[in-house]
Amino acid sequence: MAVSVRISDLVEYLQGFGVSDALIPLLIMTSSFESGLNNNVIGTNSNGTKDYGVYQINVEGFYENRDKEKPDKTLKLFFDKIGKKYKQEEFIDKINNNEKFASQFVAHYIKRLSDNPKSFGTDGDPLNKWNAYKDHVVPFTKGEKIDRDLESVTDAIGAYVNSYMQVKSKEFKNLFNYDSSSIANIPSPNEGNNGWR
């Protein structure tokens, strides 16, 4: 059964793991299209492989020749970074059911894609590895019609705006930074002589 994930948690995790603020709303919008922002979601691809979790990660794609005993370089580097190697079944379970772990892996993967755009064939955009990004999010960013049902488009745009506002919240706090005690002595419109009668 799908389990809803909070956008605020995803933003916090992605920022904490070093994903660029510019990419976070786009990735969360992509995840909205991919998984409905839910954990415990398994999608089946046309080639028979499966995508897992909130980010819909194709785990088999990170194993050489789909051999579950041979993680590829991206996965080996990730295991080295976190100091633990998982068997494929364990890795699938973590990706599918733990949004913090999945966010950590996605941050690692995005960094690899960003650092090696030619070898990964991303044309300089690390999110190009997600079909929903290419098919739905890129048209959105260009002001084009998104070819999906109204509900999923509305949900995805809401996820984009929500995550964008959270990413920008620090800037907004600084922009509107004020000392709340400075307004404590201002009389309400119903009190005192404020010039209105």
Protein backbone atom coordinates (compact mmCIF):
# COMPACT_ATOMS: atom_id res chain seq x y z
CA MET A 1 0.00 0.00 0.00
CA ALA A 2 1.32 3.44 -0.95
CA VAL A 3 2.41 5.67 1.91
CA SER A 4 2.27 9.45 1.49
CA VAL A 5 5.51 11.40 1.93
CA ARG A 6 5.69 14.99 3.21
CA ILE A 7 7.17 17.50 0.80
CA SER A 8 8.80 19.38 3.67
CA ASP A 9 10.71 16.23 4.61
CA LEU A 10 11.88 15.69 1.04
CA VAL A 11 13.07 19.30 0.78
CA GLU A 12 14.93 19.00 4.09
CA TYR A 13 16.56 15.70 3.11
CA LEU A 14 17.54 16.83 -0.38
CA GLN A 15 19.03 20.09 0.90
CA GLY A 16 20.85 18.22 3.66
CA PHE A 17 22.36 15.81 1.14
CA GLY A 18 23.52 18.66 -1.09
CA VAL A 19 21.04 18.78 -3.96
CA SER A 20 20.99 22.22 -5.58
CA ASP A 21 18.06 24.38 -4.49
CA ALA A 22 17.31 25.00 -8.18
CA LEU A 23 16.77 21.27 -8.79
CA ILE A 24 14.69 20.42 -5.72
CA PRO A 25 11.28 21.76 -6.88
CA LEU A 26 11.81 20.16 -10.30
CA LEU A 27 12.72 16.82 -8.74
CA ILE A 28 9.76 16.92 -6.37
CA MET A 29 7.41 17.79 -9.23
CA THR A 30 8.90 14.85 -11.15
CA SER A 31 8.31 12.60 -8.14
CA SER A 32 4.73 13.78 -7.97
CA PHE A 33 4.20 12.57 -11.54
CA GLU A 34 6.22 9.38 -10.96
CA SER A 35 4.89 8.15 -7.60
CA GLY A 36 2.24 10.61 -6.46
CA LEU A 37 4.79 11.50 -3.73
CA ASN A 38 4.33 8.12 -2.12
CA ASN A 39 6.63 5.43 -0.78
CA ASN A 40 5.99 1.76 -1.38
CA VAL A 41 5.17 2.36 -5.04
CA ILE A 42 6.47 -0.05 -7.66
CA GLY A 43 6.27 0.83 -11.34
CA THR A 44 7.01 -1.64 -14.12
CA ASN A 45 8.92 -0.45 -17.19
CA SER A 46 8.45 -1.67 -20.76
CA ASN A 47 11.74 -3.62 -20.52
CA GLY A 48 10.50 -5.53 -17.45
CA THR A 49 12.60 -3.65 -14.89
CA LYS A 50 10.91 -1.97 -11.96
CA ASP A 51 11.05 1.51 -10.42
CA TYR A 52 10.77 1.89 -6.66
CA GLY A 53 9.69 4.43 -4.09
CA VAL A 54 8.96 8.12 -4.07
CA TYR A 55 11.62 8.86 -6.72
CA GLN A 56 10.89 5.73 -8.77
CA ILE A 57 14.47 4.49 -8.91
CA ASN A 58 15.21 1.70 -11.37
CA VAL A 59 17.40 -0.32 -9.01
CA GLU A 60 18.25 -3.00 -11.56
CA GLY A 61 19.81 -0.27 -13.72
CA PHE A 62 22.52 0.15 -11.07
CA TYR A 63 23.73 -3.42 -11.48
CA GLU A 64 26.00 -4.50 -14.33
CA ASN A 65 24.00 -6.59 -16.81
CA ARG A 66 21.22 -6.70 -14.20
CA ASP A 67 23.34 -9.10 -12.15
CA LYS A 68 22.24 -8.47 -8.56
CA GLU A 69 25.72 -9.45 -7.34
CA LYS A 70 27.50 -6.77 -9.42
CA PRO A 71 26.67 -3.18 -8.40
CA ASP A 72 27.81 -0.58 -10.91
CA LYS A 73 30.24 2.24 -10.14
CA THR A 74 27.49 4.65 -9.01
CA LEU A 75 26.17 2.14 -6.50
CA LYS A 76 29.64 1.06 -5.32
CA LEU A 77 30.56 4.70 -4.67
CA PHE A 78 27.29 5.20 -2.78
CA PHE A 79 27.91 2.14 -0.60
CA ASP A 80 31.44 3.41 0.10
CA LYS A 81 30.06 6.85 1.00
CA ILE A 82 27.52 5.51 3.49
CA GLY A 83 29.87 2.83 4.82
CA LYS A 84 27.53 -0.09 4.18
CA LYS A 85 26.88 -2.45 1.29
CA TYR A 86 23.34 -3.69 0.80
CA LYS A 87 22.19 -6.78 -1.05
CA GLN A 88 19.88 -5.86 -3.93
CA GLU A 89 16.73 -6.92 -2.06
CA GLU A 90 17.72 -4.81 0.95
CA PHE A 91 18.57 -1.86 -1.26
CA ILE A 92 15.19 -2.12 -3.00
CA ASP A 93 13.41 -2.19 0.36
CA LYS A 94 15.28 0.92 1.58
CA ILE A 95 14.68 2.84 -1.68
CA ASN A 96 11.01 1.82 -1.77
CA ASN A 97 10.12 2.48 1.86
CA ASN A 98 12.52 5.05 3.32
CA GLU A 99 12.34 8.53 1.76
CA LYS A 100 15.40 9.77 3.66
CA PHE A 101 17.55 6.91 2.37
CA ALA A 102 16.08 7.34 -1.12
CA SER A 103 16.84 11.08 -0.97
CA GLN A 104 20.42 10.34 0.03
CA PHE A 105 20.83 7.99 -2.93
CA VAL A 106 19.14 10.41 -5.34
CA ALA A 107 21.45 13.22 -4.15
CA HIS A 108 24.44 10.96 -4.80
CA TYR A 109 23.10 9.97 -8.23
CA ILE A 110 22.36 13.58 -9.22
CA LYS A 111 25.91 14.56 -8.26
CA ARG A 112 27.30 11.74 -10.43
CA LEU A 113 25.06 12.80 -13.32
CA SER A 114 26.09 16.45 -12.90
CA ASP A 115 29.79 15.63 -12.70
CA ASN A 116 29.70 13.26 -15.71
CA PRO A 117 27.06 14.56 -18.16
CA LYS A 118 28.74 13.12 -21.27
CA SER A 119 29.23 9.62 -19.92
CA PHE A 120 25.64 9.50 -18.63
CA GLY A 121 24.14 11.19 -21.72
CA THR A 122 22.16 13.79 -19.76
CA ASP A 123 22.90 16.79 -22.02
CA GLY A 124 23.95 18.67 -18.87
CA ASP A 125 20.62 18.21 -17.08
CA PRO A 126 20.87 15.50 -14.39
CA LEU A 127 17.09 15.11 -14.15
CA ASN A 128 16.93 13.90 -17.77
CA LYS A 129 17.20 10.34 -16.44
CA TRP A 130 13.56 10.54 -15.26
CA ASN A 131 10.99 10.14 -18.05
CA ALA A 132 8.34 12.11 -16.16
CA TYR A 133 10.77 15.01 -15.99
CA LYS A 134 11.34 15.01 -19.76
CA ASP A 135 7.69 14.34 -20.61
CA HIS A 136 5.91 16.60 -18.11
CA VAL A 137 8.18 18.87 -16.07
CA VAL A 138 10.25 20.28 -18.93
CA PRO A 139 7.10 21.30 -20.84
CA PHE A 140 5.82 22.94 -17.62
CA THR A 141 9.04 24.98 -17.31
CA LYS A 142 8.58 26.13 -20.92
CA GLY A 143 4.96 27.16 -20.37
CA GLU A 144 3.71 24.36 -22.60
CA LYS A 145 0.71 22.11 -22.08
CA ILE A 146 1.37 19.10 -19.87
CA ASP A 147 -0.08 15.97 -21.43
CA ARG A 148 -1.50 14.32 -18.29
CA ASP A 149 -4.80 14.16 -16.44
CA LEU A 150 -5.87 17.35 -14.66
CA GLU A 151 -5.59 15.91 -11.14
CA SER A 152 -1.99 14.72 -11.50
CA VAL A 153 -1.01 18.01 -13.19
CA THR A 154 -2.65 20.03 -10.41
CA ASP A 155 -0.97 17.89 -7.74
CA ALA A 156 2.42 18.17 -9.43
CA ILE A 157 2.19 21.96 -9.82
CA GLY A 158 1.15 22.19 -6.17
CA ALA A 159 4.16 20.06 -5.20
CA TYR A 160 6.43 22.32 -7.26
CA VAL A 161 5.08 25.51 -5.65
CA ASN A 162 5.16 24.00 -2.15
CA SER A 163 8.76 22.81 -2.49
CA TYR A 164 9.85 26.07 -4.16
CA MET A 165 8.41 28.09 -1.29
CA GLN A 166 10.16 25.87 1.24
CA VAL A 167 13.47 26.13 -0.60
CA LYS A 168 13.09 29.91 -0.68
CA SER A 169 11.81 30.20 2.90
CA LYS A 170 15.24 31.16 4.25
CA GLU A 171 15.45 33.99 1.74
CA PHE A 172 11.92 35.09 2.61
CA LYS A 173 12.72 35.05 6.31
CA ASN A 174 15.72 37.29 5.69
CA LEU A 175 13.74 39.54 3.36
CA PHE A 176 10.97 40.01 5.91
CA ASN A 177 13.21 39.83 8.95
CA TYR A 178 11.85 42.12 11.61
CA ASP A 179 11.89 42.36 15.35
CA SER A 180 8.40 41.30 16.41
CA SER A 181 8.75 43.35 19.60
CA SER A 182 8.86 46.51 17.46
CA ILE A 183 5.22 46.06 16.47
CA ALA A 184 3.98 44.95 19.87
CA ASN A 185 3.20 48.53 20.96
CA ILE A 186 1.26 49.53 17.85
CA PRO A 187 -2.40 49.92 18.80
CA SER A 188 -4.94 47.88 16.92
CA PRO A 189 -7.33 49.81 14.64
CA ASN A 190 -10.01 49.52 17.31
CA GLU A 191 -7.86 51.06 20.04
CA GLY A 192 -6.36 54.49 20.57
CA ASN A 193 -6.28 57.50 18.32
CA ASN A 194 -5.21 56.30 14.92
CA GLY A 195 -6.59 59.23 12.98
CA TRP A 196 -9.74 57.51 11.83
CA ARG A 197 -13.17 58.40 13.11
